[in-house]
Amino acid sequence: MQVAVTRSHALREIWTLSFLRSLLSEYVGTTVFVFASLASTLLWPLPPDLSGGAPMDPHHPLLPVPAGSPDPIHVSLTFGISVALMSACLGTAGAVHLNPAVTLSLLAGVRMSLASALLYMIAQVLGAITASGFIRSVTPPEVRGDLGLNVVTPGVSEFQAVCVEMMVTFQLVLCVFATSDQKAGLSKMAPVIVGSSVTLGHLVAIGFTGCSMNPARSLGPAIITANFESHWVFWVGPFTGALLATVTYDLLLVPRWNSIGDWLAKVWVSAGVLPFPTCYINCACM
């Protein structure tokens, strides 16, 4: 009876104007974030008198590419700033995640329902595909490159790539949880903190994988370029990191449950019938 009531409540909450606005914010925010971020990876050539030699590919720093490609700092800052701005601008409309890994962590932490989490992820994926397609349509072929496609750098194994993606997403989700914790008093700084976390992740992981931290960001270019080589890495790594961060924060750092068994029981009982999220987290991730 309790399960049925909870399911009914969750479904009622989903079909509200407030939740639909949250989904729209998620779609718009992810579209703008992915558009700006992928645009920073385009290979615009510099005039001959400004090229000064061949800079390095932000996705493969050891491989020389034509002059004019952005350096890793350029790309990292663009990803981080775009996340921070979208979080700050759209946070008033509801929870802003921009990242399926962040959404999964909130679902695993019993902070949102399965139905709402799935709808959030759909909005994120659609936003990423929209942005990737738009970038391709407005960019000259000679500078388009691979649209910022995430790939495993030659010499790096898929297992190593998964581990790196796991670690950078782990620190991102810890930042998300910390800034959403009222006891920490960091909510007003959430966009800056989470944006900085995204920047840090890219500075660390660009050389390994181009840095995903965000399965939707990886899926958009993969679909538009029809290139899914090692694509699973950019789902398994971030999702594993998100789940580990959830367990670490909720069970060890700031315990919300008495034990792992207590947490698993809550997840099991409420799977698919969790209440609509009451914790509106004005922050996001790639």
C-alpha atoms as a PDB file:
ATOM      1  CA  MET A   1       0.000   0.000   0.000  1.00  0.00           C
ATOM      2  CA  GLN A   2       2.799   2.414   0.923  1.00  0.00           C
ATOM      3  CA  VAL A   3       4.623   1.615  -2.317  1.00  0.00           C
ATOM      4  CA  ALA A   4       1.494   2.269  -4.365  1.00  0.00           C
ATOM      5  CA  VAL A   5       0.914   5.597  -2.617  1.00  0.00           C
ATOM      6  CA  THR A   6       4.533   6.633  -3.156  1.00  0.00           C
ATOM      7  CA  ARG A   7       4.376   5.703  -6.840  1.00  0.00           C
ATOM      8  CA  SER A   8       1.180   7.695  -7.268  1.00  0.00           C
ATOM      9  CA  HIS A   9       2.770  10.691  -5.559  1.00  0.00           C
ATOM     10  CA  ALA A  10       5.874  10.477  -7.757  1.00  0.00           C
ATOM     11  CA  LEU A  11       3.830  10.336 -10.946  1.00  0.00           C
ATOM     12  CA  ARG A  12       1.704  13.295  -9.867  1.00  0.00           C
ATOM     13  CA  GLU A  13       4.808  15.336  -9.147  1.00  0.00           C
ATOM     14  CA  ILE A  14       6.289  14.556 -12.564  1.00  0.00           C
ATOM     15  CA  TRP A  15       3.288  15.858 -14.453  1.00  0.00           C
ATOM     16  CA  THR A  16       3.455  19.348 -13.021  1.00  0.00           C
ATOM     17  CA  LEU A  17       4.341  22.634 -14.670  1.00  0.00           C
ATOM     18  CA  SER A  18       7.249  23.037 -12.274  1.00  0.00           C
ATOM     19  CA  PHE A  19       8.803  19.726 -13.259  1.00  0.00           C
ATOM     20  CA  LEU A  20       8.263  20.351 -16.971  1.00  0.00           C
ATOM     21  CA  ARG A  21      10.082  23.655 -16.562  1.00  0.00           C
ATOM     22  CA  SER A  22      12.911  21.778 -14.870  1.00  0.00           C
ATOM     23  CA  LEU A  23      13.133  19.425 -17.852  1.00  0.00           C
ATOM     24  CA  LEU A  24      13.166  22.367 -20.249  1.00  0.00           C
ATOM     25  CA  SER A  25      15.929  23.997 -18.210  1.00  0.00           C
ATOM     26  CA  GLU A  26      17.892  20.758 -18.325  1.00  0.00           C
ATOM     27  CA  TYR A  27      17.535  20.546 -22.109  1.00  0.00           C
ATOM     28  CA  VAL A  28      18.370  24.213 -22.719  1.00  0.00           C
ATOM     29  CA  GLY A  29      21.244  24.206 -20.239  1.00  0.00           C
ATOM     30  CA  THR A  30      22.815  21.057 -21.669  1.00  0.00           C
ATOM     31  CA  THR A  31      22.415  22.366 -25.215  1.00  0.00           C
ATOM     32  CA  VAL A  32      24.183  25.641 -24.445  1.00  0.00           C
ATOM     33  CA  PHE A  33      26.850  23.958 -22.313  1.00  0.00           C
ATOM     34  CA  VAL A  34      27.707  21.330 -24.941  1.00  0.00           C
ATOM     35  CA  PHE A  35      27.574  23.864 -27.782  1.00  0.00           C
ATOM     36  CA  ALA A  36      30.007  26.228 -26.076  1.00  0.00           C
ATOM     37  CA  SER A  37      32.270  23.420 -24.929  1.00  0.00           C
ATOM     38  CA  LEU A  38      32.500  21.629 -28.268  1.00  0.00           C
ATOM     39  CA  ALA A  39      33.045  24.952 -30.033  1.00  0.00           C
ATOM     40  CA  SER A  40      36.199  25.394 -27.963  1.00  0.00           C
ATOM     41  CA  THR A  41      37.672  22.228 -29.510  1.00  0.00           C
ATOM     42  CA  LEU A  42      37.340  23.345 -33.150  1.00  0.00           C
ATOM     43  CA  LEU A  43      40.556  23.553 -35.162  1.00  0.00           C
ATOM     44  CA  TRP A  44      40.463  27.153 -36.353  1.00  0.00           C
ATOM     45  CA  PRO A  45      43.702  27.989 -38.215  1.00  0.00           C
ATOM     46  CA  LEU A  46      45.682  31.051 -37.191  1.00  0.00           C
ATOM     47  CA  PRO A  47      47.073  33.544 -39.712  1.00  0.00           C
ATOM     48  CA  PRO A  48      50.614  32.571 -40.775  1.00  0.00           C
ATOM     49  CA  ASP A  49      52.191  35.462 -38.880  1.00  0.00           C
ATOM     50  CA  LEU A  50      50.459  34.385 -35.645  1.00  0.00           C
ATOM     51  CA  SER A  51      50.784  30.629 -35.816  1.00  0.00           C
ATOM     52  CA  GLY A  52      54.323  30.509 -34.412  1.00  0.00           C
ATOM     53  CA  GLY A  53      54.507  26.749 -34.710  1.00  0.00           C
ATOM     54  CA  ALA A  54      52.061  23.911 -34.270  1.00  0.00           C
ATOM     55  CA  PRO A  55      50.207  23.805 -30.946  1.00  0.00           C
ATOM     56  CA  MET A  56      49.000  20.555 -29.505  1.00  0.00           C
ATOM     57  CA  ASP A  57      45.693  18.792 -29.942  1.00  0.00           C
ATOM     58  CA  PRO A  58      43.709  19.269 -26.676  1.00  0.00           C
ATOM     59  CA  HIS A  59      42.535  15.655 -26.916  1.00  0.00           C
ATOM     60  CA  HIS A  60      45.955  14.199 -27.731  1.00  0.00           C
ATOM     61  CA  PRO A  61      48.605  16.555 -26.345  1.00  0.00           C
ATOM     62  CA  LEU A  62      51.439  14.365 -27.672  1.00  0.00           C
ATOM     63  CA  LEU A  63      50.235  14.547 -31.272  1.00  0.00           C
ATOM     64  CA  PRO A  64      50.950  17.716 -33.309  1.00  0.00           C
ATOM     65  CA  VAL A  65      48.028  19.207 -35.229  1.00  0.00           C
ATOM     66  CA  PRO A  66      47.544  22.245 -37.476  1.00  0.00           C
ATOM     67  CA  ALA A  67      48.181  25.640 -35.919  1.00  0.00           C
ATOM     68  CA  GLY A  68      45.156  27.258 -34.395  1.00  0.00           C
ATOM     69  CA  SER A  69      43.784  24.392 -32.315  1.00  0.00           C
ATOM     70  CA  PRO A  70      43.017  25.393 -28.720  1.00  0.00           C
ATOM     71  CA  ASP A  71      45.264  24.326 -25.904  1.00  0.00           C
ATOM     72  CA  PRO A  72      44.044  22.238 -22.945  1.00  0.00           C
ATOM     73  CA  ILE A  73      43.669  25.294 -20.706  1.00  0.00           C
ATOM     74  CA  HIS A  74      41.406  26.966 -23.262  1.00  0.00           C
ATOM     75  CA  VAL A  75      39.190  23.889 -23.483  1.00  0.00           C
ATOM     76  CA  SER A  76      39.175  23.266 -19.728  1.00  0.00           C
ATOM     77  CA  LEU A  77      38.148  26.817 -18.913  1.00  0.00           C
ATOM     78  CA  THR A  78      35.385  26.785 -21.514  1.00  0.00           C
ATOM     79  CA  PHE A  79      33.864  23.595 -20.126  1.00  0.00           C
ATOM     80  CA  GLY A  80      34.041  24.858 -16.547  1.00  0.00           C
ATOM     81  CA  ILE A  81      32.761  28.369 -17.228  1.00  0.00           C
ATOM     82  CA  SER A  82      29.854  27.142 -19.352  1.00  0.00           C
ATOM     83  CA  VAL A  83      28.750  24.767 -16.592  1.00  0.00           C
ATOM     84  CA  ALA A  84      29.009  27.518 -13.973  1.00  0.00           C
ATOM     85  CA  LEU A  85      27.024  30.001 -16.057  1.00  0.00           C
ATOM     86  CA  MET A  86      24.238  27.580 -16.942  1.00  0.00           C
ATOM     87  CA  SER A  87      23.975  26.512 -13.307  1.00  0.00           C
ATOM     88  CA  ALA A  88      23.728  30.107 -12.129  1.00  0.00           C
ATOM     89  CA  CYS A  89      21.287  31.219 -14.833  1.00  0.00           C
ATOM     90  CA  LEU A  90      18.920  28.248 -14.802  1.00  0.00           C
ATOM     91  CA  GLY A  91      19.103  27.159 -11.175  1.00  0.00           C
ATOM     92  CA  THR A  92      15.995  29.122 -10.237  1.00  0.00           C
ATOM     93  CA  ALA A  93      13.913  26.917 -12.550  1.00  0.00           C
ATOM     94  CA  GLY A  94      14.801  23.770 -10.594  1.00  0.00           C
ATOM     95  CA  ALA A  95      17.609  21.295 -10.211  1.00  0.00           C
ATOM     96  CA  VAL A  96      20.274  21.796 -12.880  1.00  0.00           C
ATOM     97  CA  HIS A  97      22.447  18.724 -13.444  1.00  0.00           C
ATOM     98  CA  LEU A  98      23.473  18.863 -17.137  1.00  0.00           C
ATOM     99  CA  ASN A  99      25.090  15.476 -16.631  1.00  0.00           C
ATOM    100  CA  PRO A 100      23.634  11.942 -16.413  1.00  0.00           C
ATOM    101  CA  ALA A 101      26.364  10.974 -13.934  1.00  0.00           C
ATOM    102  CA  VAL A 102      25.226  13.710 -11.538  1.00  0.00           C
ATOM    103  CA  THR A 103      21.615  12.638 -11.989  1.00  0.00           C
ATOM    104  CA  LEU A 104      22.551   9.017 -11.286  1.00  0.00           C
ATOM    105  CA  SER A 105      24.309  10.039  -8.079  1.00  0.00           C
ATOM    106  CA  LEU A 106      21.192  11.846  -6.852  1.00  0.00           C
ATOM    107  CA  LEU A 107      19.061   8.844  -7.738  1.00  0.00           C
ATOM    108  CA  ALA A 108      21.433   6.498  -5.909  1.00  0.00           C
ATOM    109  CA  GLY A 109      21.404   8.849  -2.926  1.00  0.00           C
ATOM    110  CA  VAL A 110      17.588   8.648  -2.781  1.00  0.00           C
ATOM    111  CA  ARG A 111      17.342  12.329  -3.633  1.00  0.00           C
ATOM    112  CA  MET A 112      15.111  11.941  -6.677  1.00  0.00           C
ATOM    113  CA  SER A 113      12.769   9.393  -8.207  1.00  0.00           C
ATOM    114  CA  LEU A 114      13.650   6.892 -10.895  1.00  0.00           C
ATOM    115  CA  ALA A 115      11.065   8.366 -13.254  1.00  0.00           C
ATOM    116  CA  SER A 116      12.315  11.926 -12.822  1.00  0.00           C
ATOM    117  CA  ALA A 117      15.943  10.797 -13.155  1.00  0.00           C
ATOM    118  CA  LEU A 118      15.231   9.023 -16.441  1.00  0.00           C
ATOM    119  CA  LEU A 119      13.438  12.083 -17.813  1.00  0.00           C
ATOM    120  CA  TYR A 120      16.342  14.286 -16.755  1.00  0.00           C
ATOM    121  CA  MET A 121      18.782  11.997 -18.558  1.00  0.00           C
ATOM    122  CA  ILE A 122      16.657  12.017 -21.703  1.00  0.00           C
ATOM    123  CA  ALA A 123      16.609  15.828 -21.661  1.00  0.00           C
ATOM    124  CA  GLN A 124      20.385  15.901 -21.201  1.00  0.00           C
ATOM    125  CA  VAL A 125      21.037  13.485 -24.059  1.00  0.00           C
ATOM    126  CA  LEU A 126      18.677  15.352 -26.389  1.00  0.00           C
ATOM    127  CA  GLY A 127      20.390  18.626 -25.509  1.00  0.00           C
ATOM    128  CA  ALA A 128      23.826  17.186 -26.236  1.00  0.00           C
ATOM    129  CA  ILE A 129      22.698  15.753 -29.579  1.00  0.00           C
ATOM    130  CA  THR A 130      21.076  19.068 -30.520  1.00  0.00           C
ATOM    131  CA  ALA A 131      24.242  21.001 -29.692  1.00  0.00           C
ATOM    132  CA  SER A 132      26.504  18.566 -31.545  1.00  0.00           C
ATOM    133  CA  GLY A 133      24.325  18.636 -34.638  1.00  0.00           C
ATOM    134  CA  PHE A 134      24.153  22.423 -34.557  1.00  0.00           C
ATOM    135  CA  ILE A 135      27.935  22.749 -34.232  1.00  0.00           C
ATOM    136  CA  ARG A 136      28.390  20.478 -37.238  1.00  0.00           C
ATOM    137  CA  SER A 137      25.878  22.408 -39.327  1.00  0.00           C
ATOM    138  CA  VAL A 138      27.469  25.826 -38.732  1.00  0.00           C
ATOM    139  CA  THR A 139      31.145  24.822 -38.864  1.00  0.00           C
ATOM    140  CA  PRO A 140      33.258  24.634 -42.048  1.00  0.00           C
ATOM    141  CA  PRO A 141      34.415  21.056 -42.751  1.00  0.00           C
ATOM    142  CA  GLU A 142      38.086  22.004 -42.645  1.00  0.00           C
ATOM    143  CA  VAL A 143      37.894  23.139 -39.003  1.00  0.00           C
ATOM    144  CA  ARG A 144      35.233  20.728 -37.800  1.00  0.00           C
ATOM    145  CA  GLY A 145      37.627  17.970 -36.789  1.00  0.00           C
ATOM    146  CA  ASP A 146      35.924  15.277 -34.747  1.00  0.00           C
ATOM    147  CA  LEU A 147      33.560  17.717 -32.977  1.00  0.00           C
ATOM    148  CA  GLY A 148      35.361  17.207 -29.697  1.00  0.00           C
ATOM    149  CA  LEU A 149      34.708  13.475 -29.730  1.00  0.00           C
ATOM    150  CA  ASN A 150      36.002  11.682 -26.655  1.00  0.00           C
ATOM    151  CA  VAL A 151      38.526   9.008 -27.585  1.00  0.00           C
ATOM    152  CA  VAL A 152      41.063   7.003 -25.622  1.00  0.00           C
ATOM    153  CA  THR A 153      44.531   8.388 -26.353  1.00  0.00           C
ATOM    154  CA  PRO A 154      46.915   5.915 -28.053  1.00  0.00           C
ATOM    155  CA  GLY A 155      49.030   4.240 -25.400  1.00  0.00           C
ATOM    156  CA  VAL A 156      46.281   4.511 -22.779  1.00  0.00           C
ATOM    157  CA  SER A 157      44.334   1.298 -22.170  1.00  0.00           C
ATOM    158  CA  GLU A 158      40.567   1.290 -21.875  1.00  0.00           C
ATOM    159  CA  PHE A 159      40.890   0.188 -18.255  1.00  0.00           C
ATOM    160  CA  GLN A 160      43.175   3.130 -17.508  1.00  0.00           C
ATOM    161  CA  ALA A 161      40.744   5.455 -19.263  1.00  0.00           C
ATOM    162  CA  VAL A 162      37.856   4.138 -17.160  1.00  0.00           C
ATOM    163  CA  CYS A 163      39.865   4.706 -13.977  1.00  0.00           C
ATOM    164  CA  VAL A 164      40.712   8.292 -14.937  1.00  0.00           C
ATOM    165  CA  GLU A 165      37.100   9.077 -15.867  1.00  0.00           C
ATOM    166  CA  MET A 166      35.982   7.486 -12.609  1.00  0.00           C
ATOM    167  CA  MET A 167      38.303   9.666 -10.528  1.00  0.00           C
ATOM    168  CA  VAL A 168      37.480  13.003 -12.153  1.00  0.00           C
ATOM    169  CA  THR A 169      33.751  12.288 -11.927  1.00  0.00           C
ATOM    170  CA  PHE A 170      34.188  11.178  -8.316  1.00  0.00           C
ATOM    171  CA  GLN A 171      35.558  14.572  -7.318  1.00  0.00           C
ATOM    172  CA  LEU A 172      32.835  16.331  -9.316  1.00  0.00           C
ATOM    173  CA  VAL A 173      30.010  14.518  -7.538  1.00  0.00           C
ATOM    174  CA  LEU A 174      31.614  15.145  -4.146  1.00  0.00           C
ATOM    175  CA  CYS A 175      31.523  18.850  -4.989  1.00  0.00           C
ATOM    176  CA  VAL A 176      27.878  18.584  -6.043  1.00  0.00           C
ATOM    177  CA  PHE A 177      26.925  16.929  -2.757  1.00  0.00           C
ATOM    178  CA  ALA A 178      28.962  19.355  -0.660  1.00  0.00           C
ATOM    179  CA  THR A 179      27.442  22.433  -2.289  1.00  0.00           C
ATOM    180  CA  SER A 180      23.916  21.040  -1.911  1.00  0.00           C
ATOM    181  CA  ASP A 181      24.419  20.254   1.783  1.00  0.00           C
ATOM    182  CA  GLN A 182      22.797  23.026   3.811  1.00  0.00           C
ATOM    183  CA  LYS A 183      25.116  22.296   6.737  1.00  0.00           C
ATOM    184  CA  ALA A 184      28.132  23.154   4.601  1.00  0.00           C
ATOM    185  CA  GLY A 185      26.755  26.580   3.706  1.00  0.00           C
ATOM    186  CA  LEU A 186      28.190  26.480   0.196  1.00  0.00           C
ATOM    187  CA  SER A 187      24.982  26.664  -1.834  1.00  0.00           C
ATOM    188  CA  LYS A 188      25.538  30.254  -2.992  1.00  0.00           C
ATOM    189  CA  MET A 189      28.940  29.280  -4.317  1.00  0.00           C
ATOM    190  CA  ALA A 190      27.669  26.129  -6.027  1.00  0.00           C
ATOM    191  CA  PRO A 191      28.035  27.286  -9.657  1.00  0.00           C
ATOM    192  CA  VAL A 192      31.598  28.508  -9.091  1.00  0.00           C
ATOM    193  CA  ILE A 193      32.660  25.439  -7.113  1.00  0.00           C
ATOM    194  CA  VAL A 194      31.142  22.929  -9.519  1.00  0.00           C
ATOM    195  CA  GLY A 195      32.423  24.839 -12.546  1.00  0.00           C
ATOM    196  CA  SER A 196      35.900  24.794 -11.007  1.00  0.00           C
ATOM    197  CA  SER A 197      35.547  21.058 -10.438  1.00  0.00           C
ATOM    198  CA  VAL A 198      34.730  20.565 -14.116  1.00  0.00           C
ATOM    199  CA  THR A 199      37.742  22.671 -15.097  1.00  0.00           C
ATOM    200  CA  LEU A 200      39.987  20.639 -12.799  1.00  0.00           C
ATOM    201  CA  GLY A 201      38.690  17.382 -14.248  1.00  0.00           C
ATOM    202  CA  HIS A 202      39.529  18.536 -17.756  1.00  0.00           C
ATOM    203  CA  LEU A 203      42.991  19.746 -16.825  1.00  0.00           C
ATOM    204  CA  VAL A 204      43.650  16.291 -15.397  1.00  0.00           C
ATOM    205  CA  ALA A 205      41.964  14.022 -17.948  1.00  0.00           C
ATOM    206  CA  ILE A 206      42.251  15.755 -21.326  1.00  0.00           C
ATOM    207  CA  GLY A 207      45.492  13.950 -22.088  1.00  0.00           C
ATOM    208  CA  PHE A 208      43.961  10.550 -21.358  1.00  0.00           C
ATOM    209  CA  THR A 209      40.513  10.725 -22.977  1.00  0.00           C
ATOM    210  CA  GLY A 210      39.766  14.307 -23.946  1.00  0.00           C
ATOM    211  CA  CYS A 211      37.875  14.243 -20.622  1.00  0.00           C
ATOM    212  CA  SER A 212      34.235  13.294 -20.538  1.00  0.00           C
ATOM    213  CA  MET A 213      32.950  13.299 -16.933  1.00  0.00           C
ATOM    214  CA  ASN A 214      29.591  13.478 -18.687  1.00  0.00           C
ATOM    215  CA  PRO A 215      28.095  10.639 -20.782  1.00  0.00           C
ATOM    216  CA  ALA A 216      25.697  12.992 -22.580  1.00  0.00           C
ATOM    217  CA  ARG A 217      28.559  15.242 -23.663  1.00  0.00           C
ATOM    218  CA  SER A 218      30.292  12.159 -25.105  1.00  0.00           C
ATOM    219  CA  LEU A 219      27.198  10.706 -26.746  1.00  0.00           C
ATOM    220  CA  GLY A 220      26.275  13.836 -28.715  1.00  0.00           C
ATOM    221  CA  PRO A 221      29.419  13.985 -30.891  1.00  0.00           C
ATOM    222  CA  ALA A 222      29.514  10.172 -31.126  1.00  0.00           C
ATOM    223  CA  ILE A 223      26.048  10.105 -32.689  1.00  0.00           C
ATOM    224  CA  ILE A 224      26.693  13.014 -35.057  1.00  0.00           C
ATOM    225  CA  THR A 225      30.043  11.593 -36.233  1.00  0.00           C
ATOM    226  CA  ALA A 226      28.836   7.959 -36.088  1.00  0.00           C
ATOM    227  CA  ASN A 227      31.979   7.030 -34.161  1.00  0.00           C
ATOM    228  CA  PHE A 228      31.429   4.852 -31.088  1.00  0.00           C
ATOM    229  CA  GLU A 229      34.943   3.492 -30.656  1.00  0.00           C
ATOM    230  CA  SER A 230      35.498   2.766 -26.940  1.00  0.00           C
ATOM    231  CA  HIS A 231      32.361   4.793 -26.246  1.00  0.00           C
ATOM    232  CA  TRP A 232      31.399   2.545 -23.343  1.00  0.00           C
ATOM    233  CA  VAL A 233      34.359   3.962 -21.405  1.00  0.00           C
ATOM    234  CA  PHE A 234      32.579   7.304 -21.164  1.00  0.00           C
ATOM    235  CA  TRP A 235      29.540   5.758 -19.512  1.00  0.00           C
ATOM    236  CA  VAL A 236      31.143   3.171 -17.247  1.00  0.00           C
ATOM    237  CA  GLY A 237      33.836   5.518 -15.921  1.00  0.00           C
ATOM    238  CA  PRO A 238      31.621   8.480 -14.976  1.00  0.00           C
ATOM    239  CA  PHE A 239      28.791   6.299 -13.669  1.00  0.00           C
ATOM    240  CA  THR A 240      31.192   4.290 -11.493  1.00  0.00           C
ATOM    241  CA  GLY A 241      32.748   7.468 -10.126  1.00  0.00           C
ATOM    242  CA  ALA A 242      29.320   8.946  -9.408  1.00  0.00           C
ATOM    243  CA  LEU A 243      28.183   5.867  -7.487  1.00  0.00           C
ATOM    244  CA  LEU A 244      31.421   5.684  -5.493  1.00  0.00           C
ATOM    245  CA  ALA A 245      31.099   9.356  -4.578  1.00  0.00           C
ATOM    246  CA  THR A 246      27.513   8.789  -3.432  1.00  0.00           C
ATOM    247  CA  VAL A 247      28.539   5.938  -1.144  1.00  0.00           C
ATOM    248  CA  THR A 248      31.559   7.864   0.156  1.00  0.00           C
ATOM    249  CA  TYR A 249      29.624  11.032   0.955  1.00  0.00           C
ATOM    250  CA  ASP A 250      26.376   9.538   2.252  1.00  0.00           C
ATOM    251  CA  LEU A 251      27.889   6.658   4.227  1.00  0.00           C
ATOM    252  CA  LEU A 252      31.320   7.883   5.327  1.00  0.00           C
ATOM    253  CA  LEU A 253      31.795  11.648   5.138  1.00  0.00           C
ATOM    254  CA  VAL A 254      28.317  12.924   6.021  1.00  0.00           C
ATOM    255  CA  PRO A 255      26.356   9.789   6.988  1.00  0.00           C
ATOM    256  CA  ARG A 256      22.696   9.803   6.017  1.00  0.00           C
ATOM    257  CA  TRP A 257      22.227   6.086   6.643  1.00  0.00           C
ATOM    258  CA  ASN A 258      23.102   3.853   9.567  1.00  0.00           C
ATOM    259  CA  SER A 259      24.748   1.240   7.368  1.00  0.00           C
ATOM    260  CA  ILE A 260      25.155   0.051   3.804  1.00  0.00           C
ATOM    261  CA  GLY A 261      22.253  -2.316   4.420  1.00  0.00           C
ATOM    262  CA  ASP A 262      20.045   0.568   5.510  1.00  0.00           C
ATOM    263  CA  TRP A 263      20.952   2.522   2.384  1.00  0.00           C
ATOM    264  CA  LEU A 264      20.389  -0.459   0.084  1.00  0.00           C
ATOM    265  CA  ALA A 265      17.030  -1.103   1.737  1.00  0.00           C
ATOM    266  CA  LYS A 266      15.952   2.484   1.080  1.00  0.00           C
ATOM    267  CA  VAL A 267      17.059   2.250  -2.538  1.00  0.00           C
ATOM    268  CA  TRP A 268      15.386  -1.120  -3.017  1.00  0.00           C
ATOM    269  CA  VAL A 269      12.073  -0.180  -1.429  1.00  0.00           C
ATOM    270  CA  SER A 270      11.888   3.148  -3.188  1.00  0.00           C
ATOM    271  CA  ALA A 271      13.216   2.068  -6.589  1.00  0.00           C
ATOM    272  CA  GLY A 272      10.922   3.542  -9.153  1.00  0.00           C
ATOM    273  CA  VAL A 273       8.653   5.081  -6.547  1.00  0.00           C
ATOM    274  CA  LEU A 274      10.900   7.620  -4.881  1.00  0.00           C
ATOM    275  CA  PRO A 275       9.410  10.989  -3.985  1.00  0.00           C
ATOM    276  CA  PHE A 276      10.094  13.903  -6.285  1.00  0.00           C
ATOM    277  CA  PRO A 277      13.412  15.544  -5.359  1.00  0.00           C
ATOM    278  CA  THR A 278      13.085  18.112  -2.601  1.00  0.00           C
ATOM    279  CA  CYS A 279      16.753  19.041  -2.782  1.00  0.00           C
ATOM    280  CA  TYR A 280      17.115  21.496  -5.652  1.00  0.00           C
ATOM    281  CA  ILE A 281      20.769  21.531  -6.494  1.00  0.00           C
ATOM    282  CA  ASN A 282      21.791  24.584  -8.464  1.00  0.00           C
ATOM    283  CA  CYS A 283      24.864  23.040  -9.921  1.00  0.00           C
ATOM    284  CA  ALA A 284      25.890  20.715 -12.669  1.00  0.00           C
ATOM    285  CA  CYS A 285      28.422  18.681 -14.590  1.00  0.00           C
ATOM    286  CA  MET A 286      30.123  17.464 -18.011  1.00  0.00           C
END
